[in-house]
Amino acid sequence: MKVILKEDIKGVGKKDQVINASDGYARNFLFPKNKAVEANAENMSKLKAKQDSNNYRKEQEKEEAKRIADKISKIMLKIPVKAGENGKIFGGVSTKEISDLLDKNYQIKVDKKKIELKETIKSLGATNVNIKLYEGVIANLKIDIIVEQ
């Protein structure tokens, strides 16, 4: 019997997946526990509409991420820091500081976890940082660490 899963079931399948289940398993376990519905024409059309809606939403999110990536690639973010005489800065520049400055100066909200920085920036000068905005969309941000006046 073909059924549409309503939730992930370990060893069986993922949510919204159409699977072949034995009649007994479907009638005695999946249906009573509300874990699946029968894959009839009505339920299949609902599933298709839901998948189309999700695909459209994902495309919109990807387009928005591409627009933001374009904006970010044109930015040269200047970060003033306190530094010693030899050019070594006190502390470091973290992903949180980069995220906060992007929001404050350019009104671009980026989650600090999406900024790829192996460790805090601890030297003056220009640096390139990648920001993962969406699956397959990566922005390249130019950062210039300058001495605070």
C-alpha atoms as a PDB file:
ATOM      1  CA  MET A   1       0.000   0.000   0.000  1.00  0.00           C
ATOM      2  CA  LYS A   2       1.347   3.439  -0.902  1.00  0.00           C
ATOM      3  CA  VAL A   3       1.362   5.928   1.975  1.00  0.00           C
ATOM      4  CA  ILE A   4       2.600   9.505   2.530  1.00  0.00           C
ATOM      5  CA  LEU A   5       4.609   9.910   5.726  1.00  0.00           C
ATOM      6  CA  LYS A   6       3.600  12.796   8.005  1.00  0.00           C
ATOM      7  CA  GLU A   7       6.862  12.708   9.974  1.00  0.00           C
ATOM      8  CA  ASP A   8      10.337  11.177   9.843  1.00  0.00           C
ATOM      9  CA  ILE A   9      10.358   7.518  10.864  1.00  0.00           C
ATOM     10  CA  LYS A  10      13.742   5.931  11.426  1.00  0.00           C
ATOM     11  CA  GLY A  11      14.370   3.094   9.012  1.00  0.00           C
ATOM     12  CA  VAL A  12      11.221   3.842   6.999  1.00  0.00           C
ATOM     13  CA  GLY A  13      11.496   7.300   5.443  1.00  0.00           C
ATOM     14  CA  LYS A  14      11.389  11.064   5.757  1.00  0.00           C
ATOM     15  CA  LYS A  15       8.436  13.431   6.148  1.00  0.00           C
ATOM     16  CA  ASP A  16       6.355  13.950   2.949  1.00  0.00           C
ATOM     17  CA  GLN A  17       7.934  10.915   1.303  1.00  0.00           C
ATOM     18  CA  VAL A  18       5.737   8.426  -0.561  1.00  0.00           C
ATOM     19  CA  ILE A  19       6.625   4.843   0.389  1.00  0.00           C
ATOM     20  CA  ASN A  20       5.305   1.344  -0.116  1.00  0.00           C
ATOM     21  CA  ALA A  21       4.275  -0.111   3.235  1.00  0.00           C
ATOM     22  CA  SER A  22       2.691  -3.463   3.914  1.00  0.00           C
ATOM     23  CA  ASP A  23      -1.070  -3.300   4.475  1.00  0.00           C
ATOM     24  CA  GLY A  24      -0.795  -4.483   8.083  1.00  0.00           C
ATOM     25  CA  TYR A  25       1.957  -2.013   8.999  1.00  0.00           C
ATOM     26  CA  ALA A  26       0.009   0.860   7.481  1.00  0.00           C
ATOM     27  CA  ARG A  27      -3.380  -0.023   9.033  1.00  0.00           C
ATOM     28  CA  ASN A  28      -2.142  -1.174  12.447  1.00  0.00           C
ATOM     29  CA  PHE A  29       0.725   1.261  13.109  1.00  0.00           C
ATOM     30  CA  LEU A  30       1.063   4.211  10.724  1.00  0.00           C
ATOM     31  CA  PHE A  31      -2.608   5.255  10.423  1.00  0.00           C
ATOM     32  CA  PRO A  32      -3.639   4.848  14.111  1.00  0.00           C
ATOM     33  CA  LYS A  33      -0.574   6.750  15.345  1.00  0.00           C
ATOM     34  CA  ASN A  34      -1.222   9.475  12.712  1.00  0.00           C
ATOM     35  CA  LYS A  35       2.237   8.987  11.216  1.00  0.00           C
ATOM     36  CA  ALA A  36       1.017   8.569   7.623  1.00  0.00           C
ATOM     37  CA  VAL A  37      -1.961   8.994   5.306  1.00  0.00           C
ATOM     38  CA  GLU A  38      -3.024   6.895   2.369  1.00  0.00           C
ATOM     39  CA  ALA A  39      -1.527   8.049  -0.947  1.00  0.00           C
ATOM     40  CA  ASN A  40      -4.837   8.607  -2.750  1.00  0.00           C
ATOM     41  CA  ALA A  41      -5.407  11.267  -5.438  1.00  0.00           C
ATOM     42  CA  GLU A  42      -6.527  13.967  -2.993  1.00  0.00           C
ATOM     43  CA  ASN A  43      -3.577  13.504  -0.636  1.00  0.00           C
ATOM     44  CA  MET A  44      -1.116  13.299  -3.544  1.00  0.00           C
ATOM     45  CA  SER A  45      -2.384  16.625  -4.931  1.00  0.00           C
ATOM     46  CA  LYS A  46      -2.041  18.225  -1.476  1.00  0.00           C
ATOM     47  CA  LEU A  47       1.528  16.899  -1.249  1.00  0.00           C
ATOM     48  CA  LYS A  48       2.365  18.232  -4.729  1.00  0.00           C
ATOM     49  CA  ALA A  49       0.968  21.677  -3.844  1.00  0.00           C
ATOM     50  CA  LYS A  50       2.999  21.695  -0.619  1.00  0.00           C
ATOM     51  CA  GLN A  51       6.203  20.725  -2.456  1.00  0.00           C
ATOM     52  CA  ASP A  52       5.600  23.373  -5.151  1.00  0.00           C
ATOM     53  CA  SER A  53       5.072  25.982  -2.446  1.00  0.00           C
ATOM     54  CA  ASN A  54       8.299  24.950  -0.681  1.00  0.00           C
ATOM     55  CA  ASN A  55      10.272  25.044  -3.955  1.00  0.00           C
ATOM     56  CA  TYR A  56       8.947  28.528  -4.752  1.00  0.00           C
ATOM     57  CA  ARG A  57       9.827  29.779  -1.261  1.00  0.00           C
ATOM     58  CA  LYS A  58      13.340  28.316  -1.526  1.00  0.00           C
ATOM     59  CA  GLU A  59      13.861  30.010  -4.907  1.00  0.00           C
ATOM     60  CA  GLN A  60      12.767  33.348  -3.418  1.00  0.00           C
ATOM     61  CA  GLU A  61      15.153  32.915  -0.478  1.00  0.00           C
ATOM     62  CA  LYS A  62      18.014  32.056  -2.846  1.00  0.00           C
ATOM     63  CA  GLU A  63      17.323  35.146  -4.996  1.00  0.00           C
ATOM     64  CA  GLU A  64      17.297  37.325  -1.873  1.00  0.00           C
ATOM     65  CA  ALA A  65      20.589  35.751  -0.737  1.00  0.00           C
ATOM     66  CA  LYS A  66      22.124  36.530  -4.157  1.00  0.00           C
ATOM     67  CA  ARG A  67      21.045  40.193  -3.869  1.00  0.00           C
ATOM     68  CA  ILE A  68      22.583  40.429  -0.399  1.00  0.00           C
ATOM     69  CA  ALA A  69      25.773  38.729  -1.664  1.00  0.00           C
ATOM     70  CA  ASP A  70      26.030  41.382  -4.396  1.00  0.00           C
ATOM     71  CA  LYS A  71      25.727  44.153  -1.808  1.00  0.00           C
ATOM     72  CA  ILE A  72      28.284  42.542   0.488  1.00  0.00           C
ATOM     73  CA  SER A  73      30.848  42.014  -2.278  1.00  0.00           C
ATOM     74  CA  LYS A  74      30.877  45.800  -2.944  1.00  0.00           C
ATOM     75  CA  ILE A  75      31.528  46.684   0.702  1.00  0.00           C
ATOM     76  CA  MET A  76      34.929  47.468   2.224  1.00  0.00           C
ATOM     77  CA  LEU A  77      34.209  47.194   5.946  1.00  0.00           C
ATOM     78  CA  LYS A  78      36.610  49.318   7.992  1.00  0.00           C
ATOM     79  CA  ILE A  79      36.979  48.132  11.574  1.00  0.00           C
ATOM     80  CA  PRO A  80      38.818  50.479  13.948  1.00  0.00           C
ATOM     81  CA  VAL A  81      40.705  48.681  16.741  1.00  0.00           C
ATOM     82  CA  LYS A  82      43.191  49.557  19.447  1.00  0.00           C
ATOM     83  CA  ALA A  83      46.697  48.434  18.560  1.00  0.00           C
ATOM     84  CA  GLY A  84      50.162  48.490  20.020  1.00  0.00           C
ATOM     85  CA  GLU A  85      53.183  50.187  18.436  1.00  0.00           C
ATOM     86  CA  ASN A  86      54.271  47.049  16.556  1.00  0.00           C
ATOM     87  CA  GLY A  87      50.901  46.741  14.741  1.00  0.00           C
ATOM     88  CA  LYS A  88      49.605  43.945  16.943  1.00  0.00           C
ATOM     89  CA  ILE A  89      46.014  44.572  17.960  1.00  0.00           C
ATOM     90  CA  PHE A  90      44.613  44.104  21.439  1.00  0.00           C
ATOM     91  CA  GLY A  91      42.122  41.251  21.560  1.00  0.00           C
ATOM     92  CA  GLY A  92      40.854  40.481  18.077  1.00  0.00           C
ATOM     93  CA  VAL A  93      38.025  40.983  15.635  1.00  0.00           C
ATOM     94  CA  SER A  94      35.378  38.275  15.957  1.00  0.00           C
ATOM     95  CA  THR A  95      32.472  37.208  13.767  1.00  0.00           C
ATOM     96  CA  LYS A  96      30.077  38.929  16.172  1.00  0.00           C
ATOM     97  CA  GLU A  97      31.800  42.288  15.661  1.00  0.00           C
ATOM     98  CA  ILE A  98      31.710  41.838  11.880  1.00  0.00           C
ATOM     99  CA  SER A  99      28.008  40.918  12.008  1.00  0.00           C
ATOM    100  CA  ASP A 100      27.180  43.886  14.266  1.00  0.00           C
ATOM    101  CA  LEU A 101      29.062  46.374  12.049  1.00  0.00           C
ATOM    102  CA  LEU A 102      27.362  45.083   8.890  1.00  0.00           C
ATOM    103  CA  ASP A 103      23.980  45.567  10.567  1.00  0.00           C
ATOM    104  CA  LYS A 104      24.832  48.982  12.037  1.00  0.00           C
ATOM    105  CA  ASN A 105      26.564  50.530   9.010  1.00  0.00           C
ATOM    106  CA  TYR A 106      24.832  48.847   6.050  1.00  0.00           C
ATOM    107  CA  GLN A 107      21.558  47.439   7.500  1.00  0.00           C
ATOM    108  CA  ILE A 108      22.535  43.928   6.380  1.00  0.00           C
ATOM    109  CA  LYS A 109      21.644  41.296   8.946  1.00  0.00           C
ATOM    110  CA  VAL A 110      23.980  38.301   8.853  1.00  0.00           C
ATOM    111  CA  ASP A 111      24.095  35.575  11.468  1.00  0.00           C
ATOM    112  CA  LYS A 112      27.567  35.437  13.025  1.00  0.00           C
ATOM    113  CA  LYS A 113      27.603  31.647  12.546  1.00  0.00           C
ATOM    114  CA  LYS A 114      27.455  32.096   8.777  1.00  0.00           C
ATOM    115  CA  ILE A 115      30.673  34.128   8.709  1.00  0.00           C
ATOM    116  CA  GLU A 116      33.579  31.791   7.944  1.00  0.00           C
ATOM    117  CA  LEU A 117      36.466  32.829  10.147  1.00  0.00           C
ATOM    118  CA  LYS A 118      38.840  30.169  11.419  1.00  0.00           C
ATOM    119  CA  GLU A 119      39.956  32.343  14.335  1.00  0.00           C
ATOM    120  CA  THR A 120      39.636  35.967  15.375  1.00  0.00           C
ATOM    121  CA  ILE A 121      41.538  38.458  13.217  1.00  0.00           C
ATOM    122  CA  LYS A 122      44.599  39.575  15.169  1.00  0.00           C
ATOM    123  CA  SER A 123      46.527  41.736  12.706  1.00  0.00           C
ATOM    124  CA  LEU A 124      46.087  45.071  10.946  1.00  0.00           C
ATOM    125  CA  GLY A 125      45.416  45.307   7.235  1.00  0.00           C
ATOM    126  CA  ALA A 126      43.019  43.970   4.638  1.00  0.00           C
ATOM    127  CA  THR A 127      41.405  40.551   4.932  1.00  0.00           C
ATOM    128  CA  ASN A 128      38.815  38.682   2.880  1.00  0.00           C
ATOM    129  CA  VAL A 129      36.073  36.786   4.697  1.00  0.00           C
ATOM    130  CA  ASN A 130      33.503  34.425   3.169  1.00  0.00           C
ATOM    131  CA  ILE A 131      29.894  34.543   4.353  1.00  0.00           C
ATOM    132  CA  LYS A 132      27.599  31.589   3.631  1.00  0.00           C
ATOM    133  CA  LEU A 133      24.237  33.233   3.009  1.00  0.00           C
ATOM    134  CA  TYR A 134      22.390  30.261   1.551  1.00  0.00           C
ATOM    135  CA  GLU A 135      23.146  26.846   0.116  1.00  0.00           C
ATOM    136  CA  GLY A 136      25.383  27.569  -2.869  1.00  0.00           C
ATOM    137  CA  VAL A 137      25.477  31.362  -2.249  1.00  0.00           C
ATOM    138  CA  ILE A 138      28.693  32.660  -0.702  1.00  0.00           C
ATOM    139  CA  ALA A 139      29.520  36.362  -0.372  1.00  0.00           C
ATOM    140  CA  ASN A 140      33.083  37.648  -0.170  1.00  0.00           C
ATOM    141  CA  LEU A 141      33.455  40.546   2.308  1.00  0.00           C
ATOM    142  CA  LYS A 142      36.557  42.734   2.279  1.00  0.00           C
ATOM    143  CA  ILE A 143      37.583  43.863   5.750  1.00  0.00           C
ATOM    144  CA  ASP A 144      40.185  46.513   6.537  1.00  0.00           C
ATOM    145  CA  ILE A 145      41.454  46.508  10.122  1.00  0.00           C
ATOM    146  CA  ILE A 146      42.664  50.026  10.972  1.00  0.00           C
ATOM    147  CA  VAL A 147      44.121  51.649  14.081  1.00  0.00           C
ATOM    148  CA  GLU A 148      41.563  53.508  16.181  1.00  0.00           C
ATOM    149  CA  GLN A 149      42.280  57.243  16.350  1.00  0.00           C
END
